Amino acid sequence: KQRELVATVTRDGNTNYLDSVKGRFTVSRDNAKDTVALQMNSLKPE
């Protein structure tokens, strides 16, 4: 399959999600630690 966008967090902190992961995944960033995380819950085989 082609690479697809799952989630983004802008430099202003705005987030956007692939429809199929909304409500299950959460993206966050920590500008003090230069890290970005993706919390994935209720994972599915797909």
All heavy atoms as atom14 arrays in JSON, in Angstrom:
{
  "sequence": "KQRELVATVTRDGNTNYLDSVKGRFTVSRDNAKDTVALQMNSLKPE",
  "atom14_mask": [
    [1, 1, 1, 1, 1, 1, 1, 1, 1, 0, 0, 0, 0, 0],
    [1, 1, 1, 1, 1, 1, 1, 1, 1, 0, 0, 0, 0, 0],
    [1, 1, 1, 1, 1, 1, 1, 1, 1, 1, 1, 0, 0, 0],
    [1, 1, 1, 1, 1, 1, 1, 1, 1, 0, 0, 0, 0, 0],
    [1, 1, 1, 1, 1, 1, 1, 1, 0, 0, 0, 0, 0, 0],
    [1, 1, 1, 1, 1, 1, 1, 0, 0, 0, 0, 0, 0, 0],
    [1, 1, 1, 1, 1, 0, 0, 0, 0, 0, 0, 0, 0, 0],
    [1, 1, 1, 1, 1, 1, 1, 0, 0, 0, 0, 0, 0, 0],
    [1, 1, 1, 1, 1, 1, 1, 0, 0, 0, 0, 0, 0, 0],
    [1, 1, 1, 1, 1, 1, 1, 0, 0, 0, 0, 0, 0, 0],
    [1, 1, 1, 1, 1, 1, 1, 1, 1, 1, 1, 0, 0, 0],
    [1, 1, 1, 1, 1, 1, 1, 1, 0, 0, 0, 0, 0, 0],
    [1, 1, 1, 1, 0, 0, 0, 0, 0, 0, 0, 0, 0, 0],
    [1, 1, 1, 1, 1, 1, 1, 1, 0, 0, 0, 0, 0, 0],
    [1, 1, 1, 1, 1, 1, 1, 0, 0, 0, 0, 0, 0, 0],
    [1, 1, 1, 1, 1, 1, 1, 1, 0, 0, 0, 0, 0, 0],
    [1, 1, 1, 1, 1, 1, 1, 1, 1, 1, 1, 1, 0, 0],
    [1, 1, 1, 1, 1, 1, 1, 1, 0, 0, 0, 0, 0, 0],
    [1, 1, 1, 1, 1, 1, 1, 1, 0, 0, 0, 0, 0, 0],
    [1, 1, 1, 1, 1, 1, 0, 0, 0, 0, 0, 0, 0, 0],
    [1, 1, 1, 1, 1, 1, 1, 0, 0, 0, 0, 0, 0, 0],
    [1, 1, 1, 1, 1, 1, 1, 1, 1, 0, 0, 0, 0, 0],
    [1, 1, 1, 1, 0, 0, 0, 0, 0, 0, 0, 0, 0, 0],
    [1, 1, 1, 1, 1, 1, 1, 1, 1, 1, 1, 0, 0, 0],
    [1, 1, 1, 1, 1, 1, 1, 1, 1, 1, 1, 0, 0, 0],
    [1, 1, 1, 1, 1, 1, 1, 0, 0, 0, 0, 0, 0, 0],
    [1, 1, 1, 1, 1, 1, 1, 0, 0, 0, 0, 0, 0, 0],
    [1, 1, 1, 1, 1, 1, 0, 0, 0, 0, 0, 0, 0, 0],
    [1, 1, 1, 1, 1, 1, 1, 1, 1, 1, 1, 0, 0, 0],
    [1, 1, 1, 1, 1, 1, 1, 1, 0, 0, 0, 0, 0, 0],
    [1, 1, 1, 1, 1, 1, 1, 1, 0, 0, 0, 0, 0, 0],
    [1, 1, 1, 1, 1, 0, 0, 0, 0, 0, 0, 0, 0, 0],
    [1, 1, 1, 1, 1, 1, 1, 1, 1, 0, 0, 0, 0, 0],
    [1, 1, 1, 1, 1, 1, 1, 1, 0, 0, 0, 0, 0, 0],
    [1, 1, 1, 1, 1, 1, 1, 0, 0, 0, 0, 0, 0, 0],
    [1, 1, 1, 1, 1, 1, 1, 0, 0, 0, 0, 0, 0, 0],
    [1, 1, 1, 1, 1, 0, 0, 0, 0, 0, 0, 0, 0, 0],
    [1, 1, 1, 1, 1, 1, 1, 1, 0, 0, 0, 0, 0, 0],
    [1, 1, 1, 1, 1, 1, 1, 1, 1, 0, 0, 0, 0, 0],
    [1, 1, 1, 1, 1, 1, 1, 1, 0, 0, 0, 0, 0, 0],
    [1, 1, 1, 1, 1, 1, 1, 1, 0, 0, 0, 0, 0, 0],
    [1, 1, 1, 1, 1, 1, 0, 0, 0, 0, 0, 0, 0, 0],
    [1, 1, 1, 1, 1, 1, 1, 1, 0, 0, 0, 0, 0, 0],
    [1, 1, 1, 1, 1, 1, 1, 1, 1, 0, 0, 0, 0, 0],
    [1, 1, 1, 1, 1, 1, 1, 0, 0, 0, 0, 0, 0, 0],
    [1, 1, 1, 1, 1, 1, 1, 1, 1, 0, 0, 0, 0, 0]
  ],
  "atom14_positions": [
    [[0.83, -1.2, 0.0], [0.0, 0.0, 0.0], [0.86, 1.24, 0.0], [2.05, 1.2, 0.34], [-0.93, 0.0, 1.21], [-1.96, -1.12, 1.2], [-2.95, -0.95, 2.33], [-4.03, -2.01, 2.27], [-5.05, -1.83, 3.36], [0.0, 0.0, 0.0], [0.0, 0.0, 0.0], [0.0, 0.0, 0.0], [0.0, 0.0, 0.0], [0.0, 0.0, 0.0]],
    [[0.23, 2.35, -0.37], [0.95, 3.62, -0.35], [1.05, 4.15, 1.08], [0.22, 3.83, 1.94], [0.2, 4.64, -1.23], [0.31, 4.37, -2.72], [-0.22, 5.52, -3.56], [-1.14, 6.23, -3.15], [0.35, 5.7, -4.73], [0.0, 0.0, 0.0], [0.0, 0.0, 0.0], [0.0, 0.0, 0.0], [0.0, 0.0, 0.0], [0.0, 0.0, 0.0]],
    [[2.07, 4.95, 1.3], [2.2, 5.6, 2.59], [1.04, 6.57, 2.78], [0.67, 7.3, 1.86], [3.53, 6.35, 2.66], [3.9, 6.87, 4.03], [5.3, 7.45, 4.06], [6.32, 6.44, 3.78], [7.62, 6.67, 3.92], [8.06, 7.86, 4.33], [8.49, 5.71, 3.64], [0.0, 0.0, 0.0], [0.0, 0.0, 0.0], [0.0, 0.0, 0.0]],
    [[0.47, 6.57, 3.99], [-0.66, 7.46, 4.27], [-0.42, 8.26, 5.53], [0.26, 7.8, 6.46], [-1.97, 6.67, 4.39], [-2.03, 5.68, 5.52], [-3.36, 4.93, 5.59], [-4.28, 5.23, 4.83], [-3.45, 4.03, 6.44], [0.0, 0.0, 0.0], [0.0, 0.0, 0.0], [0.0, 0.0, 0.0], [0.0, 0.0, 0.0], [0.0, 0.0, 0.0]],
    [[-1.02, 9.43, 5.55], [-0.91, 10.3, 6.71], [-1.83, 9.79, 7.82], [-3.02, 9.55, 7.58], [-1.32, 11.72, 6.32], [-1.37, 12.76, 7.42], [0.0, 12.98, 8.02], [-1.94, 14.06, 6.89], [0.0, 0.0, 0.0], [0.0, 0.0, 0.0], [0.0, 0.0, 0.0], [0.0, 0.0, 0.0], [0.0, 0.0, 0.0], [0.0, 0.0, 0.0]],
    [[-1.29, 9.63, 9.0], [-2.07, 9.14, 10.14], [-2.5, 10.3, 11.04], [-3.67, 10.41, 11.41], [-1.26, 8.13, 10.96], [-2.04, 7.69, 12.2], [-0.88, 6.93, 10.1], [0.0, 0.0, 0.0], [0.0, 0.0, 0.0], [0.0, 0.0, 0.0], [0.0, 0.0, 0.0], [0.0, 0.0, 0.0], [0.0, 0.0, 0.0], [0.0, 0.0, 0.0]],
    [[-1.56, 11.16, 11.4], [-1.87, 12.25, 12.3], [-0.8, 13.32, 12.18], [0.37, 13.01, 11.92], [-1.94, 11.76, 13.75], [0.0, 0.0, 0.0], [0.0, 0.0, 0.0], [0.0, 0.0, 0.0], [0.0, 0.0, 0.0], [0.0, 0.0, 0.0], [0.0, 0.0, 0.0], [0.0, 0.0, 0.0], [0.0, 0.0, 0.0], [0.0, 0.0, 0.0]],
    [[-1.23, 14.56, 12.36], [-0.29, 15.67, 12.35], [-0.56, 16.59, 13.54], [-1.7, 16.68, 14.02], [-0.38, 16.51, 11.07], [-1.71, 17.02, 10.94], [-0.03, 15.69, 9.85], [0.0, 0.0, 0.0], [0.0, 0.0, 0.0], [0.0, 0.0, 0.0], [0.0, 0.0, 0.0], [0.0, 0.0, 0.0], [0.0, 0.0, 0.0], [0.0, 0.0, 0.0]],
    [[0.49, 17.25, 13.97], [0.36, 18.31, 14.96], [1.21, 19.47, 14.45], [2.41, 19.31, 14.22], [0.75, 17.86, 16.38], [2.13, 17.24, 16.43], [0.62, 19.0, 17.37], [0.0, 0.0, 0.0], [0.0, 0.0, 0.0], [0.0, 0.0, 0.0], [0.0, 0.0, 0.0], [0.0, 0.0, 0.0], [0.0, 0.0, 0.0], [0.0, 0.0, 0.0]],
    [[0.56, 20.6, 14.22], [1.28, 21.74, 13.67], [2.15, 22.4, 14.73], [2.06, 22.08, 15.92], [0.31, 22.79, 13.11], [-0.39, 23.39, 14.2], [-0.66, 22.17, 12.14], [0.0, 0.0, 0.0], [0.0, 0.0, 0.0], [0.0, 0.0, 0.0], [0.0, 0.0, 0.0], [0.0, 0.0, 0.0], [0.0, 0.0, 0.0], [0.0, 0.0, 0.0]],
    [[2.95, 23.35, 14.3], [3.81, 24.04, 15.27], [2.97, 24.86, 16.23], [3.46, 25.22, 17.31], [4.82, 24.91, 14.54], [4.24, 26.01, 13.69], [5.35, 26.76, 12.99], [4.87, 27.97, 12.34], [5.67, 28.83, 11.71], [6.97, 28.59, 11.64], [5.18, 29.91, 11.14], [0.0, 0.0, 0.0], [0.0, 0.0, 0.0], [0.0, 0.0, 0.0]],
    [[1.72, 25.14, 15.84], [0.8, 25.87, 16.72], [0.0, 24.93, 17.63], [-0.82, 25.39, 18.42], [-0.16, 26.71, 15.9], [0.54, 27.78, 15.1], [1.53, 28.34, 15.61], [0.13, 28.04, 13.95], [0.0, 0.0, 0.0], [0.0, 0.0, 0.0], [0.0, 0.0, 0.0], [0.0, 0.0, 0.0], [0.0, 0.0, 0.0], [0.0, 0.0, 0.0]],
    [[0.2, 23.63, 17.45], [-0.48, 22.67, 18.3], [-1.8, 22.15, 17.75], [-2.5, 21.39, 18.42], [0.0, 0.0, 0.0], [0.0, 0.0, 0.0], [0.0, 0.0, 0.0], [0.0, 0.0, 0.0], [0.0, 0.0, 0.0], [0.0, 0.0, 0.0], [0.0, 0.0, 0.0], [0.0, 0.0, 0.0], [0.0, 0.0, 0.0], [0.0, 0.0, 0.0]],
    [[-2.14, 22.52, 16.53], [-3.37, 22.0, 15.94], [-3.15, 20.58, 15.44], [-2.1, 20.25, 14.89], [-3.8, 22.89, 14.78], [-4.15, 24.29, 15.25], [-4.87, 24.48, 16.22], [-3.61, 25.3, 14.57], [0.0, 0.0, 0.0], [0.0, 0.0, 0.0], [0.0, 0.0, 0.0], [0.0, 0.0, 0.0], [0.0, 0.0, 0.0], [0.0, 0.0, 0.0]],
    [[-4.15, 19.74, 15.62], [-4.03, 18.33, 15.25], [-5.01, 17.95, 14.15], [-6.06, 18.58, 13.98], [-4.24, 17.42, 16.46], [-5.55, 17.67, 17.0], [-3.21, 17.67, 17.53], [0.0, 0.0, 0.0], [0.0, 0.0, 0.0], [0.0, 0.0, 0.0], [0.0, 0.0, 0.0], [0.0, 0.0, 0.0], [0.0, 0.0, 0.0], [0.0, 0.0, 0.0]],
    [[-4.64, 16.92, 13.43], [-5.48, 16.4, 12.36], [-5.24, 14.9, 12.28], [-4.11, 14.43, 12.52], [-5.13, 17.05, 11.02], [-6.11, 16.68, 9.93], [-7.31, 16.65, 10.16], [-5.6, 16.36, 8.75], [0.0, 0.0, 0.0], [0.0, 0.0, 0.0], [0.0, 0.0, 0.0], [0.0, 0.0, 0.0], [0.0, 0.0, 0.0], [0.0, 0.0, 0.0]],
    [[-6.31, 14.13, 11.97], [-6.21, 12.68, 11.99], [-6.84, 12.06, 10.76], [-7.82, 12.57, 10.2], [-6.92, 12.11, 13.22], [-6.31, 12.52, 14.54], [-6.77, 13.65, 15.21], [-5.28, 11.78, 15.1], [-6.21, 14.03, 16.42], [-4.71, 12.16, 16.31], [-5.19, 13.28, 16.96], [-4.62, 13.66, 18.15], [0.0, 0.0, 0.0], [0.0, 0.0, 0.0]],
    [[-6.28, 10.92, 10.37], [-6.92, 10.05, 9.39], [-8.27, 9.61, 9.97], [-8.35, 9.3, 11.17], [-6.01, 8.84, 9.15], [-6.45, 7.77, 8.16], [-6.43, 8.33, 6.75], [-5.52, 6.57, 8.28], [0.0, 0.0, 0.0], [0.0, 0.0, 0.0], [0.0, 0.0, 0.0], [0.0, 0.0, 0.0], [0.0, 0.0, 0.0], [0.0, 0.0, 0.0]],
    [[-9.3, 9.59, 9.15], [-10.63, 9.27, 9.66], [-10.67, 7.95, 10.42], [-11.33, 7.83, 11.46], [-11.64, 9.23, 8.51], [-12.07, 10.61, 8.06], [-11.78, 11.59, 8.78], [-12.69, 10.72, 6.99], [0.0, 0.0, 0.0], [0.0, 0.0, 0.0], [0.0, 0.0, 0.0], [0.0, 0.0, 0.0], [0.0, 0.0, 0.0], [0.0, 0.0, 0.0]],
    [[-9.97, 6.97, 9.92], [-10.06, 5.63, 10.51], [-9.39, 5.52, 11.88], [-9.57, 4.52, 12.58], [-9.47, 4.59, 9.57], [-8.09, 4.83, 9.34], [0.0, 0.0, 0.0], [0.0, 0.0, 0.0], [0.0, 0.0, 0.0], [0.0, 0.0, 0.0], [0.0, 0.0, 0.0], [0.0, 0.0, 0.0], [0.0, 0.0, 0.0], [0.0, 0.0, 0.0]],
    [[-8.63, 6.54, 12.29], [-7.97, 6.48, 13.6], [-8.54, 7.5, 14.58], [-8.15, 7.53, 15.75], [-6.45, 6.67, 13.49], [-5.85, 5.72, 12.47], [-6.07, 8.1, 13.2], [0.0, 0.0, 0.0], [0.0, 0.0, 0.0], [0.0, 0.0, 0.0], [0.0, 0.0, 0.0], [0.0, 0.0, 0.0], [0.0, 0.0, 0.0], [0.0, 0.0, 0.0]],
    [[-9.47, 8.32, 14.13], [-10.06, 9.33, 15.01], [-10.73, 8.66, 16.2], [-11.47, 7.68, 16.05], [-11.08, 10.17, 14.24], [-10.46, 11.18, 13.3], [-11.54, 11.99, 12.57], [-10.91, 12.99, 11.63], [-11.91, 13.75, 10.84], [0.0, 0.0, 0.0], [0.0, 0.0, 0.0], [0.0, 0.0, 0.0], [0.0, 0.0, 0.0], [0.0, 0.0, 0.0]],
    [[-10.48, 9.21, 17.37], [-11.04, 8.65, 18.59], [-10.22, 7.53, 19.18], [-10.46, 7.1, 20.31], [0.0, 0.0, 0.0], [0.0, 0.0, 0.0], [0.0, 0.0, 0.0], [0.0, 0.0, 0.0], [0.0, 0.0, 0.0], [0.0, 0.0, 0.0], [0.0, 0.0, 0.0], [0.0, 0.0, 0.0], [0.0, 0.0, 0.0], [0.0, 0.0, 0.0]],
    [[-9.25, 7.02, 18.43], [-8.39, 5.93, 18.93], [-6.94, 6.39, 19.12], [-6.25, 5.92, 20.02], [-8.42, 4.75, 17.96], [-9.8, 4.16, 17.74], [-9.74, 2.85, 16.95], [-9.23, 3.04, 15.6], [-8.16, 2.41, 15.12], [-7.48, 1.55, 15.88], [-7.77, 2.61, 13.86], [0.0, 0.0, 0.0], [0.0, 0.0, 0.0], [0.0, 0.0, 0.0]],
    [[-6.48, 7.25, 18.24], [-5.09, 7.71, 18.27], [-5.04, 9.16, 18.74], [-5.93, 9.96, 18.42], [-4.45, 7.64, 16.88], [-4.2, 6.25, 16.35], [-4.72, 5.12, 16.97], [-3.43, 6.08, 15.22], [-4.48, 3.84, 16.47], [-3.17, 4.82, 14.69], [-3.7, 3.71, 15.33], [0.0, 0.0, 0.0], [0.0, 0.0, 0.0], [0.0, 0.0, 0.0]],
    [[-3.97, 9.5, 19.44], [-3.75, 10.88, 19.87], [-2.3, 11.26, 19.61], [-1.37, 10.56, 20.05], [-4.05, 11.05, 21.36], [-5.39, 10.65, 21.64], [-3.86, 12.5, 21.78], [0.0, 0.0, 0.0], [0.0, 0.0, 0.0], [0.0, 0.0, 0.0], [0.0, 0.0, 0.0], [0.0, 0.0, 0.0], [0.0, 0.0, 0.0], [0.0, 0.0, 0.0]],
    [[-2.1, 12.36, 18.89], [-0.76, 12.86, 18.62], [-0.48, 14.03, 19.55], [-1.37, 14.84, 19.84], [-0.61, 13.28, 17.14], [-1.56, 14.41, 16.76], [0.83, 13.64, 16.81], [0.0, 0.0, 0.0], [0.0, 0.0, 0.0], [0.0, 0.0, 0.0], [0.0, 0.0, 0.0], [0.0, 0.0, 0.0], [0.0, 0.0, 0.0], [0.0, 0.0, 0.0]],
    [[0.76, 14.11, 20.02], [1.14, 15.2, 20.91], [2.62, 15.53, 20.68], [3.38, 14.7, 20.19], [0.89, 14.82, 22.37], [1.65, 13.67, 22.72], [0.0, 0.0, 0.0], [0.0, 0.0, 0.0], [0.0, 0.0, 0.0], [0.0, 0.0, 0.0], [0.0, 0.0, 0.0], [0.0, 0.0, 0.0], [0.0, 0.0, 0.0], [0.0, 0.0, 0.0]],
    [[2.98, 16.74, 21.05], [4.37, 17.15, 20.92], [4.85, 17.81, 22.2], [4.04, 18.41, 22.93], [4.55, 18.1, 19.73], [3.85, 19.44, 19.86], [3.93, 20.22, 18.54], [5.29, 20.56, 18.19], [5.69, 20.87, 16.95], [4.82, 20.86, 15.96], [6.96, 21.2, 16.72], [0.0, 0.0, 0.0], [0.0, 0.0, 0.0], [0.0, 0.0, 0.0]],
    [[6.14, 17.72, 22.42], [6.78, 18.36, 23.56], [7.94, 19.19, 23.01], [9.0, 18.65, 22.7], [7.26, 17.31, 24.56], [7.82, 17.92, 25.83], [8.23, 19.1, 25.82], [7.85, 17.2, 26.85], [0.0, 0.0, 0.0], [0.0, 0.0, 0.0], [0.0, 0.0, 0.0], [0.0, 0.0, 0.0], [0.0, 0.0, 0.0], [0.0, 0.0, 0.0]],
    [[7.72, 20.48, 22.89], [8.74, 21.34, 22.3], [9.95, 21.51, 23.22], [11.03, 21.89, 22.76], [8.15, 22.71, 21.96], [7.22, 22.66, 20.77], [7.21, 21.7, 20.0], [6.41, 23.7, 20.62], [0.0, 0.0, 0.0], [0.0, 0.0, 0.0], [0.0, 0.0, 0.0], [0.0, 0.0, 0.0], [0.0, 0.0, 0.0], [0.0, 0.0, 0.0]],
    [[9.79, 21.24, 24.49], [10.92, 21.33, 25.42], [11.87, 20.14, 25.26], [13.07, 20.26, 25.53], [10.42, 21.4, 26.85], [0.0, 0.0, 0.0], [0.0, 0.0, 0.0], [0.0, 0.0, 0.0], [0.0, 0.0, 0.0], [0.0, 0.0, 0.0], [0.0, 0.0, 0.0], [0.0, 0.0, 0.0], [0.0, 0.0, 0.0], [0.0, 0.0, 0.0]],
    [[11.32, 19.01, 24.81], [12.13, 17.79, 24.66], [12.36, 17.42, 23.2], [13.02, 16.43, 22.92], [11.45, 16.63, 25.38], [11.34, 16.81, 26.88], [10.71, 15.6, 27.54], [10.63, 15.77, 29.06], [10.0, 14.6, 29.71], [0.0, 0.0, 0.0], [0.0, 0.0, 0.0], [0.0, 0.0, 0.0], [0.0, 0.0, 0.0], [0.0, 0.0, 0.0]],
    [[11.81, 18.22, 22.28], [11.95, 17.94, 20.84], [11.44, 16.54, 20.49], [12.11, 15.77, 19.78], [13.4, 18.11, 20.37], [13.88, 19.55, 20.42], [13.06, 20.44, 20.75], [15.05, 19.79, 20.14], [0.0, 0.0, 0.0], [0.0, 0.0, 0.0], [0.0, 0.0, 0.0], [0.0, 0.0, 0.0], [0.0, 0.0, 0.0], [0.0, 0.0, 0.0]],
    [[10.28, 16.22, 21.01], [9.7, 14.91, 20.74], [8.25, 15.04, 20.3], [7.55, 16.0, 20.65], [9.76, 13.99, 21.96], [9.05, 14.62, 23.05], [11.18, 13.7, 22.39], [0.0, 0.0, 0.0], [0.0, 0.0, 0.0], [0.0, 0.0, 0.0], [0.0, 0.0, 0.0], [0.0, 0.0, 0.0], [0.0, 0.0, 0.0], [0.0, 0.0, 0.0]],
    [[7.82, 14.05, 19.55], [6.41, 13.93, 19.18], [6.01, 12.48, 19.43], [6.79, 11.56, 19.2], [6.17, 14.34, 17.71], [6.97, 13.49, 16.75], [4.7, 14.32, 17.37], [0.0, 0.0, 0.0], [0.0, 0.0, 0.0], [0.0, 0.0, 0.0], [0.0, 0.0, 0.0], [0.0, 0.0, 0.0], [0.0, 0.0, 0.0], [0.0, 0.0, 0.0]],
    [[4.8, 12.31, 19.94], [4.33, 10.98, 20.31], [3.02, 10.66, 19.61], [2.27, 11.57, 19.22], [4.16, 10.88, 21.82], [0.0, 0.0, 0.0], [0.0, 0.0, 0.0], [0.0, 0.0, 0.0], [0.0, 0.0, 0.0], [0.0, 0.0, 0.0], [0.0, 0.0, 0.0], [0.0, 0.0, 0.0], [0.0, 0.0, 0.0], [0.0, 0.0, 0.0]],
    [[2.76, 9.38, 19.47], [1.48, 8.91, 18.94], [0.97, 7.83, 19.87], [1.54, 6.73, 19.92], [1.63, 8.37, 17.53], [0.33, 7.95, 16.84], [-0.55, 9.18, 16.57], [0.61, 7.2, 15.54], [0.0, 0.0, 0.0], [0.0, 0.0, 0.0], [0.0, 0.0, 0.0], [0.0, 0.0, 0.0], [0.0, 0.0, 0.0], [0.0, 0.0, 0.0]],
    [[-0.07, 8.14, 20.63], [-0.7, 7.17, 21.5], [-1.77, 6.45, 20.7], [-2.69, 7.09, 20.17], [-1.33, 7.85, 22.72], [-2.06, 6.91, 23.65], [-1.14, 5.92, 24.34], [-0.06, 6.28, 24.78], [-1.56, 4.67, 24.41], [0.0, 0.0, 0.0], [0.0, 0.0, 0.0], [0.0, 0.0, 0.0], [0.0, 0.0, 0.0], [0.0, 0.0, 0.0]],
    [[-1.65, 5.14, 20.61], [-2.57, 4.35, 19.79], [-3.31, 3.37, 20.69], [-2.7, 2.51, 21.32], [-1.78, 3.58, 18.72], [-0.92, 4.47, 17.85], [-0.13, 3.6, 16.49], [0.97, 2.51, 17.4], [0.0, 0.0, 0.0], [0.0, 0.0, 0.0], [0.0, 0.0, 0.0], [0.0, 0.0, 0.0], [0.0, 0.0, 0.0], [0.0, 0.0, 0.0]],
    [[-4.62, 3.55, 20.76], [-5.48, 2.69, 21.57], [-6.43, 1.91, 20.67], [-6.62, 2.26, 19.5], [-6.26, 3.52, 22.57], [-5.38, 4.27, 23.54], [-4.3, 3.81, 23.9], [-5.83, 5.44, 23.97], [0.0, 0.0, 0.0], [0.0, 0.0, 0.0], [0.0, 0.0, 0.0], [0.0, 0.0, 0.0], [0.0, 0.0, 0.0], [0.0, 0.0, 0.0]],
    [[-7.03, 0.89, 21.23], [-8.01, 0.06, 20.49], [-7.47, -0.33, 19.12], [-8.15, -0.19, 18.1], [-9.32, 0.84, 20.34], [-9.84, 1.2, 21.6], [0.0, 0.0, 0.0], [0.0, 0.0, 0.0], [0.0, 0.0, 0.0], [0.0, 0.0, 0.0], [0.0, 0.0, 0.0], [0.0, 0.0, 0.0], [0.0, 0.0, 0.0], [0.0, 0.0, 0.0]],
    [[-6.27, -0.83, 19.12], [-5.61, -1.16, 17.86], [-6.32, -2.3, 17.14], [-6.86, -3.22, 17.77], [-4.14, -1.51, 18.12], [-3.25, -0.29, 18.33], [-1.96, -0.68, 19.03], [-2.95, 0.4, 17.01], [0.0, 0.0, 0.0], [0.0, 0.0, 0.0], [0.0, 0.0, 0.0], [0.0, 0.0, 0.0], [0.0, 0.0, 0.0], [0.0, 0.0, 0.0]],
    [[-6.3, -2.2, 15.82], [-6.94, -3.17, 14.95], [-5.9, -3.8, 14.02], [-4.87, -3.18, 13.74], [-8.02, -2.49, 14.1], [-9.08, -1.75, 14.9], [-10.04, -1.01, 13.99], [-11.09, -0.25, 14.78], [-12.04, 0.48, 13.89], [0.0, 0.0, 0.0], [0.0, 0.0, 0.0], [0.0, 0.0, 0.0], [0.0, 0.0, 0.0], [0.0, 0.0, 0.0]],
    [[-6.17, -4.98, 13.51], [-5.21, -5.59, 12.57], [-4.89, -4.69, 11.38], [-3.75, -4.7, 10.89], [-5.93, -6.87, 12.14], [-6.78, -7.24, 13.31], [-7.25, -5.92, 13.86], [0.0, 0.0, 0.0], [0.0, 0.0, 0.0], [0.0, 0.0, 0.0], [0.0, 0.0, 0.0], [0.0, 0.0, 0.0], [0.0, 0.0, 0.0], [0.0, 0.0, 0.0]],
    [[-5.85, -3.91, 10.96], [-5.61, -3.02, 9.81], [-4.7, -1.83, 10.14], [-4.33, -1.06, 9.25], [-6.92, -2.51, 9.22], [-7.88, -1.91, 10.23], [-8.92, -2.92, 10.7], [-8.56, -4.1, 10.96], [-10.1, -2.52, 10.83], [0.0, 0.0, 0.0], [0.0, 0.0, 0.0], [0.0, 0.0, 0.0], [0.0, 0.0, 0.0], [0.0, 0.0, 0.0]]
  ]
}
